[in-house]
Amino acid sequence: MTATRPRRTQAERREATTRAVVDAAVEALAEVGYARTTTGEICRRSGVSAGGVFRHFDTRLDVVVAAADEVRARQFVGFRAGLEALADVSVADCLRLLRAACRAPVNAAWYELLVAARTDADLRERLAPMAARYHEEILALGRTIPIGADLTPPERDALVLSIVHLLDGEAITAVVHAHPEHEDLRLEQLVRVLAGRPVGAMGRPSDD
């Protein structure tokens, strides 16, 4: 006798639809960019009708903002999982995990929204509090890893965000003009600087 699957509740159906729409928006932002992440594109990818989308979200902007928050959540899950997989966490390990997070395909969705927000006032207004929350969560996580332990809290926070911004810039620039020959050296230099050790001439680590 075949067991009958229990019918999903209305709340479960609503959650599944919302999830499908947000996942589709994240995927579209990362793959085709902000301008082409239209309601039609989100519907096509999610399998949800336009009516279904707007039963759960008031506007397209609400969908893309929810997608931005989903990217934030996924990034922290991935980064923490990476930390937990390490027996001993070193500065170099943290930098490699952070670089991987910046280059993760899902993070392209966040970059798309940041760039679009420069000229879209409505998007900028909605993203600003989320970006502030995102950075505060990054700083809170940064306070738990071995970077800049001898610095004052404001100095340490500035250092953590400076490293994030550096690797964000590297990830964006690499799409058009990559410098793979510099990548390992750049992390070596950061590790040495963070340890208070000098960097040699022409970018080579010094043995002094």
N, C-alpha and C. Protein backbone atom coordinates (compact mmCIF):
# COMPACT_ATOMS: atom_id res chain seq x y z
N MET A 1 0.86 -1.19 0.00
CA MET A 1 0.00 0.00 0.00
C MET A 1 0.90 1.24 0.00
N THR A 2 0.65 2.17 -0.92
CA THR A 2 1.48 3.36 -1.03
C THR A 2 1.05 4.39 0.00
N ALA A 3 2.05 4.89 0.74
CA ALA A 3 1.75 5.90 1.75
C ALA A 3 1.38 7.21 1.06
N THR A 4 0.41 7.87 1.59
CA THR A 4 -0.01 9.16 1.06
C THR A 4 0.81 10.27 1.68
N ARG A 5 1.40 11.09 0.82
CA ARG A 5 2.19 12.21 1.35
C ARG A 5 1.26 13.24 1.95
N PRO A 6 1.59 13.74 3.13
CA PRO A 6 0.72 14.75 3.76
C PRO A 6 0.72 16.03 2.92
N ARG A 7 -0.43 16.64 2.83
CA ARG A 7 -0.53 17.88 2.08
C ARG A 7 0.21 18.99 2.82
N ARG A 8 0.89 19.82 2.05
CA ARG A 8 1.61 20.92 2.67
C ARG A 8 0.63 21.97 3.19
N THR A 9 0.99 22.58 4.28
CA THR A 9 0.15 23.64 4.83
C THR A 9 0.30 24.89 3.97
N GLN A 10 -0.59 25.84 4.18
CA GLN A 10 -0.52 27.09 3.44
C GLN A 10 0.80 27.80 3.74
N ALA A 11 1.25 27.75 4.99
CA ALA A 11 2.51 28.40 5.36
C ALA A 11 3.68 27.73 4.66
N GLU A 12 3.64 26.40 4.55
CA GLU A 12 4.71 25.68 3.86
C GLU A 12 4.73 26.01 2.38
N ARG A 13 3.55 26.12 1.78
CA ARG A 13 3.48 26.47 0.36
C ARG A 13 4.00 27.89 0.14
N ARG A 14 3.63 28.78 1.05
CA ARG A 14 4.10 30.17 0.93
C ARG A 14 5.62 30.23 1.06
N GLU A 15 6.15 29.49 2.01
CA GLU A 15 7.60 29.49 2.20
C GLU A 15 8.31 28.91 0.98
N ALA A 16 7.78 27.84 0.42
CA ALA A 16 8.40 27.22 -0.75
C ALA A 16 8.38 28.17 -1.95
N THR A 17 7.29 28.87 -2.14
CA THR A 17 7.20 29.81 -3.26
C THR A 17 8.16 30.97 -3.07
N THR A 18 8.19 31.51 -1.86
CA THR A 18 9.11 32.61 -1.57
C THR A 18 10.55 32.19 -1.79
N ARG A 19 10.87 31.00 -1.33
CA ARG A 19 12.23 30.48 -1.50
C ARG A 19 12.58 30.33 -2.98
N ALA A 20 11.66 29.81 -3.76
CA ALA A 20 11.91 29.63 -5.19
C ALA A 20 12.15 30.97 -5.87
N VAL A 21 11.37 31.97 -5.51
CA VAL A 21 11.50 33.30 -6.12
C VAL A 21 12.83 33.93 -5.74
N VAL A 22 13.19 33.87 -4.46
CA VAL A 22 14.44 34.48 -4.01
C VAL A 22 15.64 33.76 -4.61
N ASP A 23 15.61 32.43 -4.62
CA ASP A 23 16.71 31.67 -5.23
C ASP A 23 16.87 32.03 -6.70
N ALA A 24 15.74 32.18 -7.40
CA ALA A 24 15.80 32.53 -8.82
C ALA A 24 16.40 33.92 -9.01
N ALA A 25 16.06 34.85 -8.12
CA ALA A 25 16.60 36.21 -8.23
C ALA A 25 18.10 36.22 -7.97
N VAL A 26 18.56 35.46 -6.98
CA VAL A 26 20.00 35.37 -6.70
C VAL A 26 20.72 34.82 -7.92
N GLU A 27 20.19 33.75 -8.47
CA GLU A 27 20.80 33.11 -9.64
C GLU A 27 20.84 34.06 -10.83
N ALA A 28 19.75 34.76 -11.07
CA ALA A 28 19.69 35.68 -12.21
C ALA A 28 20.64 36.85 -12.03
N LEU A 29 20.68 37.43 -10.84
CA LEU A 29 21.58 38.56 -10.59
C LEU A 29 23.02 38.15 -10.86
N ALA A 30 23.39 36.96 -10.40
CA ALA A 30 24.77 36.50 -10.56
C ALA A 30 25.09 36.18 -12.01
N GLU A 31 24.11 35.68 -12.75
CA GLU A 31 24.38 35.19 -14.11
C GLU A 31 24.12 36.22 -15.21
N VAL A 32 23.08 37.04 -15.07
CA VAL A 32 22.75 37.97 -16.16
C VAL A 32 22.75 39.43 -15.73
N GLY A 33 22.97 39.71 -14.44
CA GLY A 33 23.08 41.08 -13.99
C GLY A 33 21.77 41.70 -13.55
N TYR A 34 21.90 42.87 -12.92
CA TYR A 34 20.74 43.54 -12.32
C TYR A 34 19.70 43.96 -13.36
N ALA A 35 20.15 44.60 -14.44
CA ALA A 35 19.21 45.12 -15.43
C ALA A 35 18.38 44.01 -16.07
N ARG A 36 18.98 42.84 -16.24
CA ARG A 36 18.27 41.74 -16.91
C ARG A 36 17.56 40.81 -15.93
N THR A 37 17.66 41.12 -14.64
CA THR A 37 16.90 40.35 -13.66
C THR A 37 15.52 40.96 -13.55
N THR A 38 14.75 40.76 -14.60
CA THR A 38 13.40 41.29 -14.68
C THR A 38 12.43 40.35 -13.95
N THR A 39 11.22 40.84 -13.78
CA THR A 39 10.19 39.96 -13.20
C THR A 39 10.00 38.73 -14.07
N GLY A 40 10.00 38.93 -15.39
CA GLY A 40 9.85 37.79 -16.29
C GLY A 40 10.96 36.78 -16.14
N GLU A 41 12.19 37.25 -15.98
CA GLU A 41 13.33 36.35 -15.81
C GLU A 41 13.21 35.58 -14.50
N ILE A 42 12.80 36.26 -13.46
CA ILE A 42 12.62 35.60 -12.15
C ILE A 42 11.51 34.54 -12.25
N CYS A 43 10.43 34.88 -12.94
CA CYS A 43 9.33 33.92 -13.12
C CYS A 43 9.80 32.70 -13.89
N ARG A 44 10.56 32.94 -14.96
CA ARG A 44 11.03 31.84 -15.79
C ARG A 44 11.90 30.88 -14.99
N ARG A 45 12.80 31.43 -14.20
CA ARG A 45 13.73 30.59 -13.44
C ARG A 45 13.07 29.90 -12.25
N SER A 46 12.10 30.55 -11.65
CA SER A 46 11.48 29.99 -10.44
C SER A 46 10.29 29.09 -10.73
N GLY A 47 9.70 29.26 -11.93
CA GLY A 47 8.48 28.53 -12.23
C GLY A 47 7.26 29.09 -11.53
N VAL A 48 7.39 30.31 -11.02
CA VAL A 48 6.27 30.98 -10.34
C VAL A 48 5.73 32.07 -11.25
N SER A 49 4.42 32.18 -11.35
CA SER A 49 3.82 33.20 -12.21
C SER A 49 4.04 34.59 -11.62
N ALA A 50 3.85 35.61 -12.46
CA ALA A 50 3.98 36.98 -11.97
C ALA A 50 2.99 37.24 -10.84
N GLY A 51 1.78 36.72 -10.99
CA GLY A 51 0.80 36.87 -9.91
C GLY A 51 1.27 36.23 -8.63
N GLY A 52 1.91 35.05 -8.77
CA GLY A 52 2.44 34.36 -7.59
C GLY A 52 3.55 35.15 -6.93
N VAL A 53 4.43 35.75 -7.77
CA VAL A 53 5.52 36.57 -7.21
C VAL A 53 4.95 37.72 -6.40
N PHE A 54 3.98 38.42 -6.97
CA PHE A 54 3.48 39.63 -6.32
C PHE A 54 2.42 39.37 -5.25
N ARG A 55 2.10 38.10 -5.04
CA ARG A 55 1.33 37.77 -3.84
C ARG A 55 2.24 37.75 -2.62
N HIS A 56 3.54 37.59 -2.86
CA HIS A 56 4.49 37.48 -1.74
C HIS A 56 5.42 38.68 -1.64
N PHE A 57 5.58 39.43 -2.72
CA PHE A 57 6.44 40.61 -2.73
C PHE A 57 5.68 41.76 -3.37
N ASP A 58 5.79 42.94 -2.80
CA ASP A 58 5.06 44.08 -3.35
C ASP A 58 5.63 44.54 -4.69
N THR A 59 6.97 44.51 -4.82
CA THR A 59 7.61 45.03 -6.03
C THR A 59 8.81 44.16 -6.39
N ARG A 60 9.33 44.37 -7.60
CA ARG A 60 10.57 43.71 -8.02
C ARG A 60 11.70 44.10 -7.08
N LEU A 61 11.73 45.36 -6.65
CA LEU A 61 12.78 45.81 -5.74
C LEU A 61 12.77 45.00 -4.45
N ASP A 62 11.59 44.67 -3.95
CA ASP A 62 11.51 43.84 -2.74
C ASP A 62 12.13 42.47 -2.99
N VAL A 63 11.95 41.94 -4.19
CA VAL A 63 12.54 40.63 -4.51
C VAL A 63 14.06 40.72 -4.51
N VAL A 64 14.62 41.74 -5.17
CA VAL A 64 16.08 41.80 -5.26
C VAL A 64 16.70 42.12 -3.90
N VAL A 65 16.01 42.86 -3.07
CA VAL A 65 16.53 43.13 -1.72
C VAL A 65 16.52 41.84 -0.91
N ALA A 66 15.47 41.04 -1.05
CA ALA A 66 15.44 39.74 -0.38
C ALA A 66 16.56 38.85 -0.90
N ALA A 67 16.86 38.95 -2.18
CA ALA A 67 17.97 38.18 -2.76
C ALA A 67 19.30 38.62 -2.16
N ALA A 68 19.47 39.93 -1.97
CA ALA A 68 20.69 40.43 -1.34
C ALA A 68 20.86 39.87 0.06
N ASP A 69 19.77 39.81 0.81
CA ASP A 69 19.85 39.28 2.17
C ASP A 69 20.16 37.79 2.15
N GLU A 70 19.67 37.08 1.13
CA GLU A 70 19.97 35.66 0.99
C GLU A 70 21.45 35.44 0.70
N VAL A 71 22.03 36.30 -0.14
CA VAL A 71 23.47 36.21 -0.41
C VAL A 71 24.25 36.40 0.88
N ARG A 72 23.88 37.42 1.66
CA ARG A 72 24.54 37.66 2.95
C ARG A 72 24.50 36.41 3.83
N ALA A 73 23.33 35.82 3.95
CA ALA A 73 23.18 34.65 4.81
C ALA A 73 24.01 33.47 4.31
N ARG A 74 23.99 33.22 3.00
CA ARG A 74 24.76 32.10 2.46
C ARG A 74 26.26 32.30 2.66
N GLN A 75 26.72 33.54 2.52
CA GLN A 75 28.15 33.80 2.67
C GLN A 75 28.62 33.48 4.09
N PHE A 76 27.83 33.84 5.08
CA PHE A 76 28.24 33.56 6.45
C PHE A 76 28.19 32.07 6.76
N VAL A 77 27.20 31.39 6.23
CA VAL A 77 27.14 29.93 6.42
C VAL A 77 28.38 29.28 5.82
N GLY A 78 28.72 29.68 4.60
CA GLY A 78 29.88 29.09 3.94
C GLY A 78 31.19 29.40 4.64
N PHE A 79 31.35 30.64 5.09
CA PHE A 79 32.60 31.04 5.75
C PHE A 79 32.76 30.30 7.08
N ARG A 80 31.69 30.25 7.85
CA ARG A 80 31.77 29.56 9.15
C ARG A 80 32.03 28.07 8.95
N ALA A 81 31.43 27.48 7.93
CA ALA A 81 31.68 26.06 7.66
C ALA A 81 33.15 25.85 7.31
N GLY A 82 33.73 26.77 6.57
CA GLY A 82 35.15 26.69 6.24
C GLY A 82 36.03 26.78 7.46
N LEU A 83 35.69 27.69 8.38
CA LEU A 83 36.46 27.81 9.62
C LEU A 83 36.37 26.54 10.45
N GLU A 84 35.16 26.00 10.56
CA GLU A 84 34.95 24.82 11.39
C GLU A 84 35.68 23.59 10.84
N ALA A 85 35.95 23.60 9.54
CA ALA A 85 36.64 22.46 8.92
C ALA A 85 38.14 22.47 9.18
N LEU A 86 38.65 23.58 9.72
CA LEU A 86 40.08 23.71 9.96
C LEU A 86 40.42 23.29 11.39
N ALA A 87 41.47 22.52 11.52
CA ALA A 87 41.90 22.11 12.87
C ALA A 87 42.46 23.31 13.63
N ASP A 88 43.35 24.05 13.00
CA ASP A 88 43.92 25.26 13.58
C ASP A 88 43.74 26.38 12.57
N VAL A 89 43.19 27.50 13.02
CA VAL A 89 42.89 28.60 12.12
C VAL A 89 44.05 29.59 12.13
N SER A 90 44.68 29.77 10.98
CA SER A 90 45.78 30.72 10.84
C SER A 90 45.30 31.95 10.08
N VAL A 91 46.10 33.01 10.08
CA VAL A 91 45.78 34.20 9.32
C VAL A 91 45.67 33.86 7.83
N ALA A 92 46.62 33.05 7.34
CA ALA A 92 46.60 32.66 5.93
C ALA A 92 45.32 31.90 5.59
N ASP A 93 44.87 31.01 6.49
CA ASP A 93 43.63 30.27 6.27
C ASP A 93 42.45 31.23 6.15
N CYS A 94 42.40 32.21 7.06
CA CYS A 94 41.29 33.17 7.04
C CYS A 94 41.27 33.97 5.75
N LEU A 95 42.45 34.37 5.29
CA LEU A 95 42.52 35.14 4.06
C LEU A 95 42.09 34.31 2.86
N ARG A 96 42.49 33.04 2.84
CA ARG A 96 42.08 32.17 1.73
C ARG A 96 40.57 31.96 1.73
N LEU A 97 39.99 31.78 2.92
CA LEU A 97 38.54 31.61 3.00
C LEU A 97 37.82 32.88 2.56
N LEU A 98 38.35 34.03 2.97
CA LEU A 98 37.73 35.29 2.60
C LEU A 98 37.81 35.52 1.09
N ARG A 99 38.96 35.19 0.50
CA ARG A 99 39.09 35.33 -0.96
C ARG A 99 38.08 34.41 -1.66
N ALA A 100 37.94 33.19 -1.18
CA ALA A 100 36.98 32.26 -1.78
C ALA A 100 35.56 32.79 -1.68
N ALA A 101 35.25 33.42 -0.54
CA ALA A 101 33.90 33.98 -0.36
C ALA A 101 33.67 35.13 -1.34
N CYS A 102 34.67 35.98 -1.52
CA CYS A 102 34.54 37.09 -2.45
C CYS A 102 34.35 36.60 -3.88
N ARG A 103 34.97 35.48 -4.21
CA ARG A 103 34.91 34.97 -5.58
C ARG A 103 33.80 33.94 -5.78
N ALA A 104 33.06 33.64 -4.74
CA ALA A 104 31.97 32.66 -4.89
C ALA A 104 30.95 33.18 -5.89
N PRO A 105 30.44 32.30 -6.76
CA PRO A 105 29.46 32.74 -7.76
C PRO A 105 28.29 33.52 -7.15
N VAL A 106 27.83 33.10 -5.97
CA VAL A 106 26.69 33.78 -5.36
C VAL A 106 27.02 35.22 -5.01
N ASN A 107 28.28 35.51 -4.72
CA ASN A 107 28.64 36.87 -4.33
C ASN A 107 28.56 37.85 -5.50
N ALA A 108 28.59 37.32 -6.73
CA ALA A 108 28.43 38.18 -7.89
C ALA A 108 27.09 38.91 -7.84
N ALA A 109 26.08 38.28 -7.24
CA ALA A 109 24.78 38.94 -7.11
C ALA A 109 24.89 40.18 -6.24
N TRP A 110 25.66 40.10 -5.16
CA TRP A 110 25.85 41.24 -4.26
C TRP A 110 26.60 42.36 -4.99
N TYR A 111 27.64 42.01 -5.73
CA TYR A 111 28.38 43.02 -6.48
C TYR A 111 27.48 43.72 -7.50
N GLU A 112 26.63 42.95 -8.17
CA GLU A 112 25.72 43.54 -9.14
C GLU A 112 24.84 44.60 -8.49
N LEU A 113 24.35 44.30 -7.30
CA LEU A 113 23.46 45.25 -6.63
C LEU A 113 24.22 46.48 -6.14
N LEU A 114 25.44 46.29 -5.66
CA LEU A 114 26.23 47.44 -5.21
C LEU A 114 26.50 48.40 -6.36
N VAL A 115 26.88 47.86 -7.51
CA VAL A 115 27.17 48.70 -8.67
C VAL A 115 25.89 49.41 -9.14
N ALA A 116 24.78 48.68 -9.19
CA ALA A 116 23.52 49.28 -9.64
C ALA A 116 23.06 50.37 -8.68
N ALA A 117 23.32 50.19 -7.39
CA ALA A 117 22.88 51.16 -6.39
C ALA A 117 23.57 52.51 -6.53
N ARG A 118 24.70 52.55 -7.21
CA ARG A 118 25.40 53.82 -7.40
C ARG A 118 24.53 54.83 -8.14
N THR A 119 23.72 54.36 -9.08
CA THR A 119 22.89 55.26 -9.88
C THR A 119 21.39 55.05 -9.68
N ASP A 120 21.02 54.12 -8.83
CA ASP A 120 19.60 53.84 -8.56
C ASP A 120 19.32 54.22 -7.11
N ALA A 121 18.70 55.40 -6.92
CA ALA A 121 18.51 55.92 -5.56
C ALA A 121 17.62 55.02 -4.72
N ASP A 122 16.58 54.44 -5.33
CA ASP A 122 15.67 53.58 -4.56
C ASP A 122 16.40 52.33 -4.08
N LEU A 123 17.17 51.73 -4.97
CA LEU A 123 17.93 50.55 -4.59
C LEU A 123 18.96 50.90 -3.52
N ARG A 124 19.63 52.04 -3.70
CA ARG A 124 20.65 52.47 -2.73
C ARG A 124 20.04 52.66 -1.34
N GLU A 125 18.87 53.26 -1.29
CA GLU A 125 18.21 53.49 -0.01
C GLU A 125 17.86 52.18 0.68
N ARG A 126 17.43 51.18 -0.10
CA ARG A 126 17.06 49.89 0.49
C ARG A 126 18.28 49.07 0.88
N LEU A 127 19.36 49.20 0.11
CA LEU A 127 20.56 48.39 0.39
C LEU A 127 21.39 48.95 1.54
N ALA A 128 21.32 50.26 1.77
CA ALA A 128 22.20 50.89 2.76
C ALA A 128 22.10 50.25 4.15
N PRO A 129 20.91 50.07 4.71
CA PRO A 129 20.86 49.43 6.03
C PRO A 129 21.32 47.98 6.00
N MET A 130 21.06 47.30 4.88
CA MET A 130 21.51 45.92 4.77
C MET A 130 23.03 45.83 4.69
N ALA A 131 23.64 46.75 3.94
CA ALA A 131 25.09 46.77 3.85
C ALA A 131 25.71 47.07 5.22
N ALA A 132 25.07 47.97 5.99
CA ALA A 132 25.57 48.28 7.33
C ALA A 132 25.51 47.03 8.21
N ARG A 133 24.40 46.30 8.11
CA ARG A 133 24.26 45.06 8.89
C ARG A 133 25.29 44.03 8.45
N TYR A 134 25.46 43.91 7.14
CA TYR A 134 26.42 42.96 6.57
C TYR A 134 27.82 43.24 7.10
N HIS A 135 28.23 44.51 7.06
CA HIS A 135 29.56 44.87 7.53
C HIS A 135 29.71 44.65 9.02
N GLU A 136 28.66 44.92 9.78
CA GLU A 136 28.75 44.70 11.23
C GLU A 136 28.91 43.20 11.53
N GLU A 137 28.23 42.36 10.76
CA GLU A 137 28.38 40.91 10.95
C GLU A 137 29.79 40.46 10.55
N ILE A 138 30.34 41.07 9.49
CA ILE A 138 31.71 40.77 9.10
C ILE A 138 32.67 41.15 10.21
N LEU A 139 32.46 42.33 10.81
CA LEU A 139 33.33 42.78 11.89
C LEU A 139 33.21 41.87 13.11
N ALA A 140 31.99 41.47 13.43
CA ALA A 140 31.80 40.57 14.57
C ALA A 140 32.53 39.26 14.36
N LEU A 141 32.46 38.74 13.13
CA LEU A 141 33.19 37.50 12.83
C LEU A 141 34.69 37.75 12.84
N GLY A 142 35.10 38.92 12.32
CA GLY A 142 36.52 39.25 12.29
C GLY A 142 37.14 39.32 13.67
N ARG A 143 36.34 39.67 14.67
CA ARG A 143 36.86 39.77 16.04
C ARG A 143 37.14 38.40 16.65
N THR A 144 36.69 37.34 15.98
CA THR A 144 36.89 35.99 16.51
C THR A 144 38.05 35.26 15.84
N ILE A 145 38.68 35.89 14.83
CA ILE A 145 39.75 35.22 14.11
C ILE A 145 41.08 35.93 14.35
N PRO A 146 42.20 35.24 14.14
CA PRO A 146 43.51 35.77 14.52
C PRO A 146 44.07 36.81 13.55
N ILE A 147 43.42 37.97 13.50
CA ILE A 147 43.91 39.07 12.66
C ILE A 147 44.00 40.33 13.51
N GLY A 148 45.17 40.93 13.56
CA GLY A 148 45.35 42.21 14.25
C GLY A 148 45.06 42.16 15.72
N ALA A 149 45.51 41.11 16.40
CA ALA A 149 45.18 40.94 17.81
C ALA A 149 45.74 42.07 18.68
N ASP A 150 46.82 42.72 18.26
CA ASP A 150 47.45 43.77 19.06
C ASP A 150 46.87 45.15 18.79
N LEU A 151 45.90 45.25 17.89
CA LEU A 151 45.33 46.54 17.55
C LEU A 151 44.19 46.92 18.48
N THR A 152 43.88 48.20 18.53
CA THR A 152 42.69 48.64 19.25
C THR A 152 41.47 48.18 18.47
N PRO A 153 40.30 48.08 19.12
CA PRO A 153 39.10 47.63 18.39
C PRO A 153 38.80 48.45 17.13
N PRO A 154 38.86 49.79 17.17
CA PRO A 154 38.60 50.53 15.91
C PRO A 154 39.64 50.23 14.83
N GLU A 155 40.90 50.09 15.23
CA GLU A 155 41.95 49.77 14.26
C GLU A 155 41.73 48.38 13.66
N ARG A 156 41.35 47.45 14.50
CA ARG A 156 41.12 46.08 14.04
C ARG A 156 39.94 46.03 13.07
N ASP A 157 38.87 46.76 13.42
CA ASP A 157 37.70 46.78 12.53
C ASP A 157 38.06 47.40 11.17
N ALA A 158 38.82 48.50 11.20
CA ALA A 158 39.23 49.14 9.95
C ALA A 158 40.09 48.20 9.12
N LEU A 159 40.95 47.45 9.79
CA LEU A 159 41.82 46.50 9.09
C LEU A 159 41.00 45.40 8.43
N VAL A 160 40.05 44.83 9.16
CA VAL A 160 39.23 43.75 8.62
C VAL A 160 38.47 44.22 7.38
N LEU A 161 37.82 45.39 7.48
CA LEU A 161 37.08 45.89 6.32
C LEU A 161 37.99 46.26 5.17
N SER A 162 39.19 46.75 5.48
CA SER A 162 40.14 47.07 4.41
C SER A 162 40.52 45.81 3.63
N ILE A 163 40.71 44.70 4.35
CA ILE A 163 41.05 43.44 3.68
C ILE A 163 39.86 42.96 2.84
N VAL A 164 38.66 43.07 3.40
CA VAL A 164 37.46 42.67 2.65
C VAL A 164 37.35 43.50 1.37
N HIS A 165 37.54 44.82 1.48
CA HIS A 165 37.41 45.68 0.31
C HIS A 165 38.50 45.37 -0.71
N LEU A 166 39.70 45.07 -0.24
CA LEU A 166 40.79 44.73 -1.16
C LEU A 166 40.42 43.48 -1.97
N LEU A 167 39.93 42.45 -1.27
CA LEU A 167 39.61 41.20 -1.96
C LEU A 167 38.33 41.32 -2.79
N ASP A 168 37.40 42.20 -2.36
CA ASP A 168 36.25 42.50 -3.22
C ASP A 168 36.73 43.11 -4.54
N GLY A 169 37.62 44.10 -4.43
CA GLY A 169 38.14 44.74 -5.62
C GLY A 169 38.89 43.78 -6.51
N GLU A 170 39.65 42.88 -5.90
CA GLU A 170 40.39 41.87 -6.67
C GLU A 170 39.42 40.98 -7.43
N ALA A 171 38.35 40.56 -6.76
CA ALA A 171 37.37 39.67 -7.39
C ALA A 171 36.68 40.34 -8.57
N ILE A 172 36.33 41.61 -8.42
CA ILE A 172 35.63 42.32 -9.50
C ILE A 172 36.58 42.58 -10.67
N THR A 173 37.80 43.05 -10.36
CA THR A 173 38.75 43.37 -11.42
C THR A 173 39.17 42.12 -12.19
N ALA A 174 39.28 40.99 -11.50
CA ALA A 174 39.75 39.76 -12.13
C ALA A 174 38.83 39.28 -13.24
N VAL A 175 37.57 39.72 -13.22
CA VAL A 175 36.63 39.32 -14.28
C VAL A 175 37.11 39.84 -15.64
N VAL A 176 37.71 41.03 -15.63
CA VAL A 176 38.15 41.66 -16.87
C VAL A 176 39.66 41.53 -17.08
N HIS A 177 40.42 41.67 -15.98
CA HIS A 177 41.88 41.68 -16.12
C HIS A 177 42.50 40.99 -14.90
N ALA A 178 42.62 39.69 -15.00
CA ALA A 178 43.15 38.91 -13.87
C ALA A 178 44.68 38.95 -13.85
N HIS A 179 45.23 38.82 -12.65
CA HIS A 179 46.68 38.71 -12.47
C HIS A 179 46.96 37.48 -11.60
N PRO A 180 46.77 36.28 -12.15
CA PRO A 180 46.95 35.08 -11.32
C PRO A 180 48.35 34.96 -10.73
N GLU A 181 49.34 35.54 -11.41
CA GLU A 181 50.72 35.46 -10.91
C GLU A 181 50.91 36.27 -9.64
N HIS A 182 49.98 37.18 -9.34
CA HIS A 182 50.09 37.99 -8.14
C HIS A 182 49.30 37.44 -6.95
N GLU A 183 48.41 36.49 -7.20
CA GLU A 183 47.43 36.13 -6.19
C GLU A 183 48.05 35.54 -4.93
N ASP A 184 48.88 34.52 -5.08
CA ASP A 184 49.50 33.93 -3.89
C ASP A 184 50.43 34.92 -3.21
N LEU A 185 51.16 35.68 -4.03
CA LEU A 185 52.08 36.66 -3.47
C LEU A 185 51.33 37.73 -2.68
N ARG A 186 50.18 38.14 -3.18
CA ARG A 186 49.39 39.15 -2.47
C ARG A 186 49.00 38.66 -1.09
N LEU A 187 48.56 37.40 -1.00
CA LEU A 187 48.20 36.86 0.32
C LEU A 187 49.43 36.71 1.21
N GLU A 188 50.57 36.29 0.64
CA GLU A 188 51.81 36.22 1.42
C GLU A 188 52.15 37.58 2.01
N GLN A 189 52.05 38.62 1.19
CA GLN A 189 52.37 39.96 1.66
C GLN A 189 51.43 40.39 2.77
N LEU A 190 50.14 40.10 2.61
CA LEU A 190 49.19 40.44 3.66
C LEU A 190 49.51 39.72 4.96
N VAL A 191 49.83 38.44 4.87
CA VAL A 191 50.17 37.68 6.08
C VAL A 191 51.37 38.30 6.77
N ARG A 192 52.39 38.67 6.00
CA ARG A 192 53.59 39.25 6.59
C ARG A 192 53.31 40.62 7.22
N VAL A 193 52.52 41.43 6.53
CA VAL A 193 52.17 42.74 7.08
C VAL A 193 51.38 42.58 8.38
N LEU A 194 50.42 41.67 8.38
CA LEU A 194 49.60 41.46 9.57
C LEU A 194 50.43 40.92 10.73
N ALA A 195 51.52 40.21 10.41
CA ALA A 195 52.40 39.67 11.45
C ALA A 195 53.47 40.69 11.86
N GLY A 196 53.46 41.88 11.23
CA GLY A 196 54.46 42.88 11.55
C GLY A 196 55.82 42.59 10.98
N ARG A 197 55.86 41.78 9.91
CA ARG A 197 57.13 41.42 9.28
C ARG A 197 57.27 42.18 7.98
N PRO A 198 58.49 42.58 7.61
CA PRO A 198 58.69 43.38 6.40
C PRO A 198 58.48 42.59 5.12
N VAL A 199 58.16 43.32 4.07
CA VAL A 199 58.06 42.75 2.74
C VAL A 199 59.25 43.25 1.94
N GLY A 200 59.94 42.34 1.26
CA GLY A 200 61.16 42.69 0.54
C GLY A 200 60.89 43.50 -0.72
N ALA A 201 61.96 43.93 -1.33
CA ALA A 201 61.88 44.73 -2.55
C ALA A 201 61.21 43.94 -3.67
N MET A 202 60.56 44.66 -4.59
CA MET A 202 59.90 44.09 -5.76
C MET A 202 58.81 43.09 -5.37
N GLY A 203 58.28 43.28 -4.15
CA GLY A 203 57.15 42.45 -3.75
C GLY A 203 57.52 41.07 -3.25
N ARG A 204 58.84 40.75 -3.15
CA ARG A 204 59.23 39.44 -2.66
C ARG A 204 59.35 39.48 -1.15
N PRO A 205 58.89 38.44 -0.43
CA PRO A 205 59.00 38.44 1.01
C PRO A 205 60.44 38.52 1.46
N SER A 206 60.67 39.34 2.48
CA SER A 206 62.02 39.47 3.03
C SER A 206 62.26 38.39 4.06
N ASP A 207 63.52 37.96 4.18
CA ASP A 207 63.88 36.96 5.19
C ASP A 207 64.36 37.61 6.48
N ASP A 208 64.39 38.95 6.53
CA ASP A 208 64.88 39.64 7.72
C ASP A 208 63.89 39.52 8.86
